[in-house]
Amino acid sequence: MIQVIHAAFRRVADREGRTCGEVEVNTNQAEAPKVLVYFAPAKDNDFEVVAIVKNDADYEIDWYDNSMHQAFTDETALFEAGGMKKSGEEQASFKDQVLSHGNIREVLRRELIG
């Protein structure tokens, strides 16, 4: 089961034409230990996950623009049913863990809803 170790709001960002809150999340998953989760307001007065992105750049050695790798990779499938066979319950648990970590939900409301 995916567990959120730490989550921190980073910024408001545009993701595929939608205004989203970018949250950096540390997980217990070896495949994606640190990801950026993009949340957008949902119709149920909560938030939906728009995308999950992993940054594989190592800032210790990658302090310049290195075109030898793709620094940001879409990891949404790792957290969706069919990717790592995560059930709907596990997906909801991950989303709830992120939103309930610290004051993430309140910050998203303030930044995205007003």
PDB file of N, CA and C in Angstrom:
ATOM      1  N   MET A   1       0.839  -1.189   0.000  1.00  0.00           N
ATOM      2  CA  MET A   1       0.000   0.000   0.000  1.00  0.00           C
ATOM      3  C   MET A   1       0.882   1.249   0.000  1.00  0.00           C
ATOM      4  N   ILE A   2       0.515   2.206  -0.813  1.00  0.00           N
ATOM      5  CA  ILE A   2       1.258   3.462  -0.884  1.00  0.00           C
ATOM      6  C   ILE A   2       1.043   4.235   0.407  1.00  0.00           C
ATOM      7  N   GLN A   3       2.149   4.706   0.981  1.00  0.00           N
ATOM      8  CA  GLN A   3       2.061   5.540   2.164  1.00  0.00           C
ATOM      9  C   GLN A   3       2.759   6.869   1.915  1.00  0.00           C
ATOM     10  N   VAL A   4       2.104   7.930   2.345  1.00  0.00           N
ATOM     11  CA  VAL A   4       2.678   9.266   2.225  1.00  0.00           C
ATOM     12  C   VAL A   4       3.541   9.506   3.456  1.00  0.00           C
ATOM     13  N   ILE A   5       4.803   9.814   3.216  1.00  0.00           N
ATOM     14  CA  ILE A   5       5.728  10.103   4.308  1.00  0.00           C
ATOM     15  C   ILE A   5       5.717  11.591   4.627  1.00  0.00           C
ATOM     16  N   HIS A   6       5.676  12.412   3.578  1.00  0.00           N
ATOM     17  CA  HIS A   6       5.672  13.862   3.753  1.00  0.00           C
ATOM     18  C   HIS A   6       5.009  14.494   2.534  1.00  0.00           C
ATOM     19  N   ALA A   7       4.320  15.603   2.742  1.00  0.00           N
ATOM     20  CA  ALA A   7       3.715  16.350   1.634  1.00  0.00           C
ATOM     21  C   ALA A   7       3.839  17.836   1.922  1.00  0.00           C
ATOM     22  N   ALA A   8       4.123  18.610   0.868  1.00  0.00           N
ATOM     23  CA  ALA A   8       4.259  20.059   1.015  1.00  0.00           C
ATOM     24  C   ALA A   8       3.743  20.746  -0.247  1.00  0.00           C
ATOM     25  N   PHE A   9       2.910  21.761  -0.059  1.00  0.00           N
ATOM     26  CA  PHE A   9       2.418  22.558  -1.184  1.00  0.00           C
ATOM     27  C   PHE A   9       3.589  23.332  -1.765  1.00  0.00           C
ATOM     28  N   ARG A  10       3.717  23.336  -3.098  1.00  0.00           N
ATOM     29  CA  ARG A  10       4.808  24.060  -3.747  1.00  0.00           C
ATOM     30  C   ARG A  10       4.346  25.330  -4.429  1.00  0.00           C
ATOM     31  N   ARG A  11       3.286  25.221  -5.259  1.00  0.00           N
ATOM     32  CA  ARG A  11       2.874  26.395  -6.025  1.00  0.00           C
ATOM     33  C   ARG A  11       1.573  26.102  -6.776  1.00  0.00           C
ATOM     34  N   VAL A  12       1.014  27.151  -7.343  1.00  0.00           N
ATOM     35  CA  VAL A  12      -0.104  27.018  -8.274  1.00  0.00           C
ATOM     36  C   VAL A  12       0.530  26.872  -9.652  1.00  0.00           C
ATOM     37  N   ALA A  13       0.048  25.904 -10.423  1.00  0.00           N
ATOM     38  CA  ALA A  13       0.640  25.636 -11.735  1.00  0.00           C
ATOM     39  C   ALA A  13      -0.452  25.320 -12.747  1.00  0.00           C
ATOM     40  N   ASP A  14      -0.120  25.495 -14.006  1.00  0.00           N
ATOM     41  CA  ASP A  14      -1.031  25.127 -15.095  1.00  0.00           C
ATOM     42  C   ASP A  14      -0.654  23.728 -15.544  1.00  0.00           C
ATOM     43  N   ARG A  15      -1.631  22.850 -15.573  1.00  0.00           N
ATOM     44  CA  ARG A  15      -1.395  21.478 -16.014  1.00  0.00           C
ATOM     45  C   ARG A  15      -2.448  21.128 -17.043  1.00  0.00           C
ATOM     46  N   GLU A  16      -2.028  21.021 -18.304  1.00  0.00           N
ATOM     47  CA  GLU A  16      -2.932  20.697 -19.405  1.00  0.00           C
ATOM     48  C   GLU A  16      -4.127  21.642 -19.454  1.00  0.00           C
ATOM     49  N   GLY A  17      -3.870  22.928 -19.258  1.00  0.00           N
ATOM     50  CA  GLY A  17      -4.908  23.946 -19.351  1.00  0.00           C
ATOM     51  C   GLY A  17      -5.751  24.111 -18.100  1.00  0.00           C
ATOM     52  N   ARG A  18      -5.431  23.406 -17.043  1.00  0.00           N
ATOM     53  CA  ARG A  18      -6.182  23.511 -15.785  1.00  0.00           C
ATOM     54  C   ARG A  18      -5.293  24.131 -14.710  1.00  0.00           C
ATOM     55  N   THR A  19      -5.877  24.989 -13.907  1.00  0.00           N
ATOM     56  CA  THR A  19      -5.149  25.561 -12.783  1.00  0.00           C
ATOM     57  C   THR A  19      -5.132  24.524 -11.676  1.00  0.00           C
ATOM     58  N   CYS A  20      -3.926  24.175 -11.238  1.00  0.00           N
ATOM     59  CA  CYS A  20      -3.754  23.107 -10.254  1.00  0.00           C
ATOM     60  C   CYS A  20      -2.845  23.567  -9.117  1.00  0.00           C
ATOM     61  N   GLY A  21      -2.974  22.876  -8.021  1.00  0.00           N
ATOM     62  CA  GLY A  21      -2.033  23.033  -6.918  1.00  0.00           C
ATOM     63  C   GLY A  21      -0.999  21.930  -7.016  1.00  0.00           C
ATOM     64  N   GLU A  22       0.271  22.307  -7.007  1.00  0.00           N
ATOM     65  CA  GLU A  22       1.361  21.336  -7.099  1.00  0.00           C
ATOM     66  C   GLU A  22       1.819  20.996  -5.687  1.00  0.00           C
ATOM     67  N   VAL A  23       1.773  19.711  -5.344  1.00  0.00           N
ATOM     68  CA  VAL A  23       2.161  19.249  -4.017  1.00  0.00           C
ATOM     69  C   VAL A  23       3.294  18.241  -4.173  1.00  0.00           C
ATOM     70  N   GLU A  24       4.411  18.493  -3.486  1.00  0.00           N
ATOM     71  CA  GLU A  24       5.528  17.552  -3.500  1.00  0.00           C
ATOM     72  C   GLU A  24       5.275  16.506  -2.421  1.00  0.00           C
ATOM     73  N   VAL A  25       5.346  15.230  -2.809  1.00  0.00           N
ATOM     74  CA  VAL A  25       5.010  14.135  -1.901  1.00  0.00           C
ATOM     75  C   VAL A  25       6.139  13.113  -1.867  1.00  0.00           C
ATOM     76  N   ASN A  26       6.573  12.762  -0.666  1.00  0.00           N
ATOM     77  CA  ASN A  26       7.510  11.657  -0.466  1.00  0.00           C
ATOM     78  C   ASN A  26       6.683  10.434  -0.102  1.00  0.00           C
ATOM     79  N   THR A  27       6.946   9.304  -0.791  1.00  0.00           N
ATOM     80  CA  THR A  27       6.190   8.080  -0.556  1.00  0.00           C
ATOM     81  C   THR A  27       7.126   6.943  -0.160  1.00  0.00           C
ATOM     82  N   ASN A  28       6.531   5.815   0.180  1.00  0.00           N
ATOM     83  CA  ASN A  28       7.303   4.615   0.484  1.00  0.00           C
ATOM     84  C   ASN A  28       7.516   3.749  -0.754  1.00  0.00           C
ATOM     85  N   GLN A  29       7.196   4.241  -1.941  1.00  0.00           N
ATOM     86  CA  GLN A  29       7.300   3.472  -3.182  1.00  0.00           C
ATOM     87  C   GLN A  29       8.688   3.625  -3.806  1.00  0.00           C
ATOM     88  N   ALA A  30       9.389   2.511  -3.983  1.00  0.00           N
ATOM     89  CA  ALA A  30      10.726   2.543  -4.573  1.00  0.00           C
ATOM     90  C   ALA A  30      10.692   3.081  -6.004  1.00  0.00           C
ATOM     91  N   GLU A  31       9.587   2.807  -6.734  1.00  0.00           N
ATOM     92  CA  GLU A  31       9.480   3.245  -8.130  1.00  0.00           C
ATOM     93  C   GLU A  31       9.309   4.758  -8.238  1.00  0.00           C
ATOM     94  N   ALA A  32       8.751   5.377  -7.227  1.00  0.00           N
ATOM     95  CA  ALA A  32       8.493   6.823  -7.246  1.00  0.00           C
ATOM     96  C   ALA A  32       8.536   7.353  -5.817  1.00  0.00           C
ATOM     97  N   PRO A  33       9.740   7.458  -5.250  1.00  0.00           N
ATOM     98  CA  PRO A  33       9.840   7.898  -3.850  1.00  0.00           C
ATOM     99  C   PRO A  33       9.459   9.365  -3.630  1.00  0.00           C
ATOM    100  N   LYS A  34       9.664  10.192  -4.643  1.00  0.00           N
ATOM    101  CA  LYS A  34       9.286  11.605  -4.554  1.00  0.00           C
ATOM    102  C   LYS A  34       8.554  11.977  -5.827  1.00  0.00           C
ATOM    103  N   VAL A  35       7.320  12.454  -5.657  1.00  0.00           N
ATOM    104  CA  VAL A  35       6.498  12.807  -6.810  1.00  0.00           C
ATOM    105  C   VAL A  35       5.869  14.176  -6.600  1.00  0.00           C
ATOM    106  N   LEU A  36       5.452  14.760  -7.705  1.00  0.00           N
ATOM    107  CA  LEU A  36       4.655  15.979  -7.674  1.00  0.00           C
ATOM    108  C   LEU A  36       3.233  15.572  -8.023  1.00  0.00           C
ATOM    109  N   VAL A  37       2.299  15.900  -7.149  1.00  0.00           N
ATOM    110  CA  VAL A  37       0.898  15.559  -7.376  1.00  0.00           C
ATOM    111  C   VAL A  37       0.170  16.860  -7.682  1.00  0.00           C
ATOM    112  N   TYR A  38      -0.571  16.867  -8.799  1.00  0.00           N
ATOM    113  CA  TYR A  38      -1.309  18.053  -9.217  1.00  0.00           C
ATOM    114  C   TYR A  38      -2.787  17.856  -8.895  1.00  0.00           C
ATOM    115  N   PHE A  39      -3.323  18.750  -8.072  1.00  0.00           N
ATOM    116  CA  PHE A  39      -4.722  18.712  -7.665  1.00  0.00           C
ATOM    117  C   PHE A  39      -5.479  19.865  -8.302  1.00  0.00           C
ATOM    118  N   ALA A  40      -6.713  19.588  -8.727  1.00  0.00           N
ATOM    119  CA  ALA A  40      -7.618  20.618  -9.236  1.00  0.00           C
ATOM    120  C   ALA A  40      -8.928  20.511  -8.462  1.00  0.00           C
ATOM    121  N   PRO A  41      -9.659  21.627  -8.356  1.00  0.00           N
ATOM    122  CA  PRO A  41     -10.968  21.565  -7.674  1.00  0.00           C
ATOM    123  C   PRO A  41     -11.885  20.566  -8.376  1.00  0.00           C
ATOM    124  N   ALA A  42     -12.644  19.814  -7.583  1.00  0.00           N
ATOM    125  CA  ALA A  42     -13.590  18.832  -8.117  1.00  0.00           C
ATOM    126  C   ALA A  42     -15.011  19.298  -7.831  1.00  0.00           C
ATOM    127  N   LYS A  43     -15.970  18.692  -8.515  1.00  0.00           N
ATOM    128  CA  LYS A  43     -17.371  19.072  -8.366  1.00  0.00           C
ATOM    129  C   LYS A  43     -17.922  18.780  -6.969  1.00  0.00           C
ATOM    130  N   ASP A  44     -17.332  17.821  -6.260  1.00  0.00           N
ATOM    131  CA  ASP A  44     -17.839  17.443  -4.941  1.00  0.00           C
ATOM    132  C   ASP A  44     -17.286  18.333  -3.817  1.00  0.00           C
ATOM    133  N   ASN A  45     -16.825  19.527  -4.181  1.00  0.00           N
ATOM    134  CA  ASN A  45     -16.279  20.490  -3.223  1.00  0.00           C
ATOM    135  C   ASN A  45     -15.006  19.972  -2.562  1.00  0.00           C
ATOM    136  N   ASP A  46     -14.287  19.105  -3.265  1.00  0.00           N
ATOM    137  CA  ASP A  46     -13.009  18.601  -2.788  1.00  0.00           C
ATOM    138  C   ASP A  46     -12.006  18.781  -3.924  1.00  0.00           C
ATOM    139  N   PHE A  47     -11.037  17.914  -4.031  1.00  0.00           N
ATOM    140  CA  PHE A  47     -10.015  18.024  -5.069  1.00  0.00           C
ATOM    141  C   PHE A  47      -9.826  16.687  -5.753  1.00  0.00           C
ATOM    142  N   GLU A  48      -9.452  16.758  -7.036  1.00  0.00           N
ATOM    143  CA  GLU A  48      -9.159  15.547  -7.790  1.00  0.00           C
ATOM    144  C   GLU A  48      -7.702  15.567  -8.219  1.00  0.00           C
ATOM    145  N   VAL A  49      -7.118  14.378  -8.339  1.00  0.00           N
ATOM    146  CA  VAL A  49      -5.749  14.250  -8.818  1.00  0.00           C
ATOM    147  C   VAL A  49      -5.768  14.340 -10.335  1.00  0.00           C
ATOM    148  N   VAL A  50      -5.047  15.330 -10.865  1.00  0.00           N
ATOM    149  CA  VAL A  50      -4.968  15.535 -12.309  1.00  0.00           C
ATOM    150  C   VAL A  50      -3.786  14.762 -12.884  1.00  0.00           C
ATOM    151  N   ALA A  51      -2.651  14.769 -12.171  1.00  0.00           N
ATOM    152  CA  ALA A  51      -1.457  14.070 -12.646  1.00  0.00           C
ATOM    153  C   ALA A  51      -0.507  13.836 -11.480  1.00  0.00           C
ATOM    154  N   ILE A  52       0.331  12.833 -11.664  1.00  0.00           N
ATOM    155  CA  ILE A  52       1.410  12.541 -10.715  1.00  0.00           C
ATOM    156  C   ILE A  52       2.677  12.446 -11.550  1.00  0.00           C
ATOM    157  N   VAL A  53       3.668  13.246 -11.207  1.00  0.00           N
ATOM    158  CA  VAL A  53       4.890  13.360 -12.007  1.00  0.00           C
ATOM    159  C   VAL A  53       6.098  13.112 -11.117  1.00  0.00           C
ATOM    160  N   LYS A  54       7.052  12.336 -11.643  1.00  0.00           N
ATOM    161  CA  LYS A  54       8.301  12.085 -10.912  1.00  0.00           C
ATOM    162  C   LYS A  54       9.414  12.884 -11.563  1.00  0.00           C
ATOM    163  N   ASN A  55      10.260  13.497 -10.743  1.00  0.00           N
ATOM    164  CA  ASN A  55      11.423  14.230 -11.234  1.00  0.00           C
ATOM    165  C   ASN A  55      12.637  13.361 -10.957  1.00  0.00           C
ATOM    166  N   ASP A  56      13.278  12.851 -12.019  1.00  0.00           N
ATOM    167  CA  ASP A  56      14.431  11.986 -11.791  1.00  0.00           C
ATOM    168  C   ASP A  56      15.758  12.736 -11.872  1.00  0.00           C
ATOM    169  N   ALA A  57      15.719  14.052 -11.916  1.00  0.00           N
ATOM    170  CA  ALA A  57      16.957  14.833 -11.932  1.00  0.00           C
ATOM    171  C   ALA A  57      17.618  14.767 -10.558  1.00  0.00           C
ATOM    172  N   ASP A  58      18.903  14.582 -10.548  1.00  0.00           N
ATOM    173  CA  ASP A  58      19.671  14.583  -9.306  1.00  0.00           C
ATOM    174  C   ASP A  58      20.393  15.924  -9.239  1.00  0.00           C
ATOM    175  N   TYR A  59      19.937  16.789  -8.347  1.00  0.00           N
ATOM    176  CA  TYR A  59      20.488  18.139  -8.296  1.00  0.00           C
ATOM    177  C   TYR A  59      21.931  18.179  -7.814  1.00  0.00           C
ATOM    178  N   GLU A  60      22.431  17.106  -7.226  1.00  0.00           N
ATOM    179  CA  GLU A  60      23.838  17.045  -6.828  1.00  0.00           C
ATOM    180  C   GLU A  60      24.737  17.054  -8.064  1.00  0.00           C
ATOM    181  N   ILE A  61      24.297  16.314  -9.102  1.00  0.00           N
ATOM    182  CA  ILE A  61      25.125  16.221 -10.304  1.00  0.00           C
ATOM    183  C   ILE A  61      24.473  16.865 -11.513  1.00  0.00           C
ATOM    184  N   ASP A  62      23.179  17.170 -11.424  1.00  0.00           N
ATOM    185  CA  ASP A  62      22.417  17.678 -12.560  1.00  0.00           C
ATOM    186  C   ASP A  62      22.039  19.141 -12.377  1.00  0.00           C
ATOM    187  N   TRP A  63      22.977  19.960 -12.003  1.00  0.00           N
ATOM    188  CA  TRP A  63      22.687  21.355 -11.733  1.00  0.00           C
ATOM    189  C   TRP A  63      22.560  22.183 -13.003  1.00  0.00           C
ATOM    190  N   TYR A  64      22.830  21.579 -14.135  1.00  0.00           N
ATOM    191  CA  TYR A  64      22.678  22.257 -15.419  1.00  0.00           C
ATOM    192  C   TYR A  64      21.623  21.514 -16.234  1.00  0.00           C
ATOM    193  N   ASP A  65      21.256  22.080 -17.364  1.00  0.00           N
ATOM    194  CA  ASP A  65      20.230  21.489 -18.222  1.00  0.00           C
ATOM    195  C   ASP A  65      20.811  20.282 -18.937  1.00  0.00           C
ATOM    196  N   ASN A  66      20.463  19.103 -18.478  1.00  0.00           N
ATOM    197  CA  ASN A  66      20.990  17.868 -19.032  1.00  0.00           C
ATOM    198  C   ASN A  66      19.945  17.237 -19.943  1.00  0.00           C
ATOM    199  N   SER A  67      20.228  17.170 -21.226  1.00  0.00           N
ATOM    200  CA  SER A  67      19.274  16.599 -22.168  1.00  0.00           C
ATOM    201  C   SER A  67      19.438  15.085 -22.322  1.00  0.00           C
ATOM    202  N   MET A  68      20.280  14.476 -21.524  1.00  0.00           N
ATOM    203  CA  MET A  68      20.524  13.044 -21.629  1.00  0.00           C
ATOM    204  C   MET A  68      19.416  12.205 -21.007  1.00  0.00           C
ATOM    205  N   HIS A  69      18.530  12.821 -20.270  1.00  0.00           N
ATOM    206  CA  HIS A  69      17.427  12.075 -19.685  1.00  0.00           C
ATOM    207  C   HIS A  69      16.189  12.952 -19.670  1.00  0.00           C
ATOM    208  N   GLN A  70      15.077  12.328 -19.403  1.00  0.00           N
ATOM    209  CA  GLN A  70      13.825  13.065 -19.291  1.00  0.00           C
ATOM    210  C   GLN A  70      13.619  13.336 -17.805  1.00  0.00           C
ATOM    211  N   ALA A  71      13.826  14.571 -17.382  1.00  0.00           N
ATOM    212  CA  ALA A  71      13.804  14.904 -15.954  1.00  0.00           C
ATOM    213  C   ALA A  71      12.442  14.658 -15.326  1.00  0.00           C
ATOM    214  N   PHE A  72      11.376  14.977 -16.013  1.00  0.00           N
ATOM    215  CA  PHE A  72      10.046  14.796 -15.453  1.00  0.00           C
ATOM    216  C   PHE A  72       9.325  13.696 -16.214  1.00  0.00           C
ATOM    217  N   THR A  73       8.917  12.661 -15.499  1.00  0.00           N
ATOM    218  CA  THR A  73       8.195  11.567 -16.132  1.00  0.00           C
ATOM    219  C   THR A  73       6.831  11.426 -15.474  1.00  0.00           C
ATOM    220  N   ASP A  74       5.832  11.146 -16.286  1.00  0.00           N
ATOM    221  CA  ASP A  74       4.468  10.986 -15.794  1.00  0.00           C
ATOM    222  C   ASP A  74       4.363   9.640 -15.097  1.00  0.00           C
ATOM    223  N   GLU A  75       4.059   9.666 -13.817  1.00  0.00           N
ATOM    224  CA  GLU A  75       3.944   8.447 -13.021  1.00  0.00           C
ATOM    225  C   GLU A  75       2.506   8.183 -12.599  1.00  0.00           C
ATOM    226  N   THR A  76       1.548   8.850 -13.212  1.00  0.00           N
ATOM    227  CA  THR A  76       0.153   8.692 -12.830  1.00  0.00           C
ATOM    228  C   THR A  76      -0.256   7.221 -12.882  1.00  0.00           C
ATOM    229  N   ALA A  77       0.227   6.477 -13.870  1.00  0.00           N
ATOM    230  CA  ALA A  77      -0.148   5.068 -14.014  1.00  0.00           C
ATOM    231  C   ALA A  77       0.299   4.221 -12.826  1.00  0.00           C
ATOM    232  N   LEU A  78       1.382   4.629 -12.147  1.00  0.00           N
ATOM    233  CA  LEU A  78       1.823   3.878 -10.976  1.00  0.00           C
ATOM    234  C   LEU A  78       0.776   3.888  -9.869  1.00  0.00           C
ATOM    235  N   PHE A  79      -0.058   4.909  -9.886  1.00  0.00           N
ATOM    236  CA  PHE A  79      -1.015   5.088  -8.806  1.00  0.00           C
ATOM    237  C   PHE A  79      -2.447   4.824  -9.249  1.00  0.00           C
ATOM    238  N   GLU A  80      -2.609   4.354 -10.480  1.00  0.00           N
ATOM    239  CA  GLU A  80      -3.949   4.076 -11.000  1.00  0.00           C
ATOM    240  C   GLU A  80      -4.151   2.575 -11.117  1.00  0.00           C
ATOM    241  N   ALA A  81      -5.381   2.159 -11.104  1.00  0.00           N
ATOM    242  CA  ALA A  81      -5.698   0.753 -11.332  1.00  0.00           C
ATOM    243  C   ALA A  81      -5.122   0.340 -12.675  1.00  0.00           C
ATOM    244  N   GLY A  82      -4.476  -0.790 -12.723  1.00  0.00           N
ATOM    245  CA  GLY A  82      -3.865  -1.254 -13.964  1.00  0.00           C
ATOM    246  C   GLY A  82      -2.379  -0.964 -13.996  1.00  0.00           C
ATOM    247  N   GLY A  83      -1.924   0.117 -13.363  1.00  0.00           N
ATOM    248  CA  GLY A  83      -0.504   0.432 -13.319  1.00  0.00           C
ATOM    249  C   GLY A  83       0.198  -0.540 -12.392  1.00  0.00           C
ATOM    250  N   MET A  84       0.102  -0.306 -11.098  1.00  0.00           N
ATOM    251  CA  MET A  84       0.643  -1.237 -10.121  1.00  0.00           C
ATOM    252  C   MET A  84      -0.508  -2.013  -9.480  1.00  0.00           C
ATOM    253  N   LYS A  85      -1.612  -2.143 -10.216  1.00  0.00           N
ATOM    254  CA  LYS A  85      -2.786  -2.870  -9.746  1.00  0.00           C
ATOM    255  C   LYS A  85      -3.323  -2.288  -8.437  1.00  0.00           C
ATOM    256  N   LYS A  86      -3.291  -0.987  -8.330  1.00  0.00           N
ATOM    257  CA  LYS A  86      -3.834  -0.319  -7.149  1.00  0.00           C
ATOM    258  C   LYS A  86      -5.344  -0.304  -7.251  1.00  0.00           C
ATOM    259  N   SER A  87      -5.986  -0.712  -6.204  1.00  0.00           N
ATOM    260  CA  SER A  87      -7.451  -0.710  -6.195  1.00  0.00           C
ATOM    261  C   SER A  87      -7.963   0.714  -6.044  1.00  0.00           C
ATOM    262  N   GLY A  88      -9.223   0.902  -6.335  1.00  0.00           N
ATOM    263  CA  GLY A  88      -9.834   2.217  -6.146  1.00  0.00           C
ATOM    264  C   GLY A  88      -9.687   2.680  -4.708  1.00  0.00           C
ATOM    265  N   GLU A  89      -9.739   1.744  -3.775  1.00  0.00           N
ATOM    266  CA  GLU A  89      -9.581   2.073  -2.354  1.00  0.00           C
ATOM    267  C   GLU A  89      -8.178   2.598  -2.073  1.00  0.00           C
ATOM    268  N   GLU A  90      -7.154   1.976  -2.679  1.00  0.00           N
ATOM    269  CA  GLU A  90      -5.779   2.429  -2.482  1.00  0.00           C
ATOM    270  C   GLU A  90      -5.552   3.798  -3.113  1.00  0.00           C
ATOM    271  N   GLN A  91      -6.157   4.027  -4.283  1.00  0.00           N
ATOM    272  CA  GLN A  91      -6.040   5.332  -4.935  1.00  0.00           C
ATOM    273  C   GLN A  91      -6.668   6.414  -4.059  1.00  0.00           C
ATOM    274  N   ALA A  92      -7.851   6.129  -3.528  1.00  0.00           N
ATOM    275  CA  ALA A  92      -8.539   7.089  -2.658  1.00  0.00           C
ATOM    276  C   ALA A  92      -7.739   7.318  -1.386  1.00  0.00           C
ATOM    277  N   SER A  93      -7.130   6.261  -0.862  1.00  0.00           N
ATOM    278  CA  SER A  93      -6.312   6.374   0.343  1.00  0.00           C
ATOM    279  C   SER A  93      -5.119   7.292   0.102  1.00  0.00           C
ATOM    280  N   PHE A  94      -4.443   7.127  -1.060  1.00  0.00           N
ATOM    281  CA  PHE A  94      -3.301   7.977  -1.384  1.00  0.00           C
ATOM    282  C   PHE A  94      -3.733   9.435  -1.456  1.00  0.00           C
ATOM    283  N   LYS A  95      -4.803   9.697  -2.184  1.00  0.00           N
ATOM    284  CA  LYS A  95      -5.317  11.072  -2.314  1.00  0.00           C
ATOM    285  C   LYS A  95      -5.650  11.638  -0.940  1.00  0.00           C
ATOM    286  N   ASP A  96      -6.360  10.875  -0.116  1.00  0.00           N
ATOM    287  CA  ASP A  96      -6.739  11.345   1.223  1.00  0.00           C
ATOM    288  C   ASP A  96      -5.531  11.578   2.117  1.00  0.00           C
ATOM    289  N   GLN A  97      -4.519  10.700   2.005  1.00  0.00           N
ATOM    290  CA  GLN A  97      -3.299  10.889   2.794  1.00  0.00           C
ATOM    291  C   GLN A  97      -2.622  12.209   2.449  1.00  0.00           C
ATOM    292  N   VAL A  98      -2.531  12.497   1.148  1.00  0.00           N
ATOM    293  CA  VAL A  98      -1.880  13.740   0.718  1.00  0.00           C
ATOM    294  C   VAL A  98      -2.685  14.942   1.208  1.00  0.00           C
ATOM    295  N   LEU A  99      -4.001  14.922   0.951  1.00  0.00           N
ATOM    296  CA  LEU A  99      -4.841  16.068   1.304  1.00  0.00           C
ATOM    297  C   LEU A  99      -4.921  16.304   2.811  1.00  0.00           C
ATOM    298  N   SER A 100      -4.778  15.248   3.596  1.00  0.00           N
ATOM    299  CA  SER A 100      -4.883  15.419   5.048  1.00  0.00           C
ATOM    300  C   SER A 100      -3.531  15.621   5.723  1.00  0.00           C
ATOM    301  N   HIS A 101      -2.452  15.593   4.955  1.00  0.00           N
ATOM    302  CA  HIS A 101      -1.115  15.810   5.529  1.00  0.00           C
ATOM    303  C   HIS A 101      -0.933  17.290   5.847  1.00  0.00           C
ATOM    304  N   GLY A 102      -0.665  17.582   7.101  1.00  0.00           N
ATOM    305  CA  GLY A 102      -0.480  18.984   7.511  1.00  0.00           C
ATOM    306  C   GLY A 102      -1.688  19.816   7.143  1.00  0.00           C
ATOM    307  N   ASN A 103      -1.464  20.905   6.428  1.00  0.00           N
ATOM    308  CA  ASN A 103      -2.554  21.805   6.033  1.00  0.00           C
ATOM    309  C   ASN A 103      -2.737  21.851   4.517  1.00  0.00           C
ATOM    310  N   ILE A 104      -2.417  20.753   3.827  1.00  0.00           N
ATOM    311  CA  ILE A 104      -2.472  20.717   2.363  1.00  0.00           C
ATOM    312  C   ILE A 104      -3.862  21.087   1.847  1.00  0.00           C
ATOM    313  N   ARG A 105      -4.915  20.464   2.387  1.00  0.00           N
ATOM    314  CA  ARG A 105      -6.267  20.742   1.899  1.00  0.00           C
ATOM    315  C   ARG A 105      -6.613  22.224   2.065  1.00  0.00           C
ATOM    316  N   GLU A 106      -6.277  22.818   3.210  1.00  0.00           N
ATOM    317  CA  GLU A 106      -6.587  24.224   3.460  1.00  0.00           C
ATOM    318  C   GLU A 106      -5.818  25.146   2.517  1.00  0.00           C
ATOM    319  N   VAL A 107      -4.559  24.823   2.274  1.00  0.00           N
ATOM    320  CA  VAL A 107      -3.754  25.635   1.357  1.00  0.00           C
ATOM    321  C   VAL A 107      -4.319  25.547  -0.061  1.00  0.00           C
ATOM    322  N   LEU A 108      -4.690  24.348  -0.491  1.00  0.00           N
ATOM    323  CA  LEU A 108      -5.285  24.200  -1.819  1.00  0.00           C
ATOM    324  C   LEU A 108      -6.581  24.998  -1.938  1.00  0.00           C
ATOM    325  N   ARG A 109      -7.413  24.942  -0.911  1.00  0.00           N
ATOM    326  CA  ARG A 109      -8.659  25.726  -0.948  1.00  0.00           C
ATOM    327  C   ARG A 109      -8.354  27.207  -1.078  1.00  0.00           C
ATOM    328  N   ARG A 110      -7.411  27.688  -0.280  1.00  0.00           N
ATOM    329  CA  ARG A 110      -7.064  29.111  -0.300  1.00  0.00           C
ATOM    330  C   ARG A 110      -6.487  29.507  -1.656  1.00  0.00           C
ATOM    331  N   GLU A 111      -5.596  28.707  -2.192  1.00  0.00           N
ATOM    332  CA  GLU A 111      -4.902  29.055  -3.433  1.00  0.00           C
ATOM    333  C   GLU A 111      -5.755  28.846  -4.692  1.00  0.00           C
ATOM    334  N   LEU A 112      -6.620  27.842  -4.694  1.00  0.00           N
ATOM    335  CA  LEU A 112      -7.366  27.499  -5.905  1.00  0.00           C
ATOM    336  C   LEU A 112      -8.814  27.946  -5.909  1.00  0.00           C
ATOM    337  N   ILE A 113      -9.414  28.037  -4.738  1.00  0.00           N
ATOM    338  CA  ILE A 113     -10.829  28.384  -4.667  1.00  0.00           C
ATOM    339  C   ILE A 113     -11.038  29.813  -4.163  1.00  0.00           C
ATOM    340  N   GLY A 114     -10.205  30.208  -3.218  1.00  0.00           N
ATOM    341  CA  GLY A 114     -10.267  31.578  -2.735  1.00  0.00           C
ATOM    342  C   GLY A 114     -10.959  31.790  -1.465  1.00  0.00           C
TER     343      GLY A 114
END
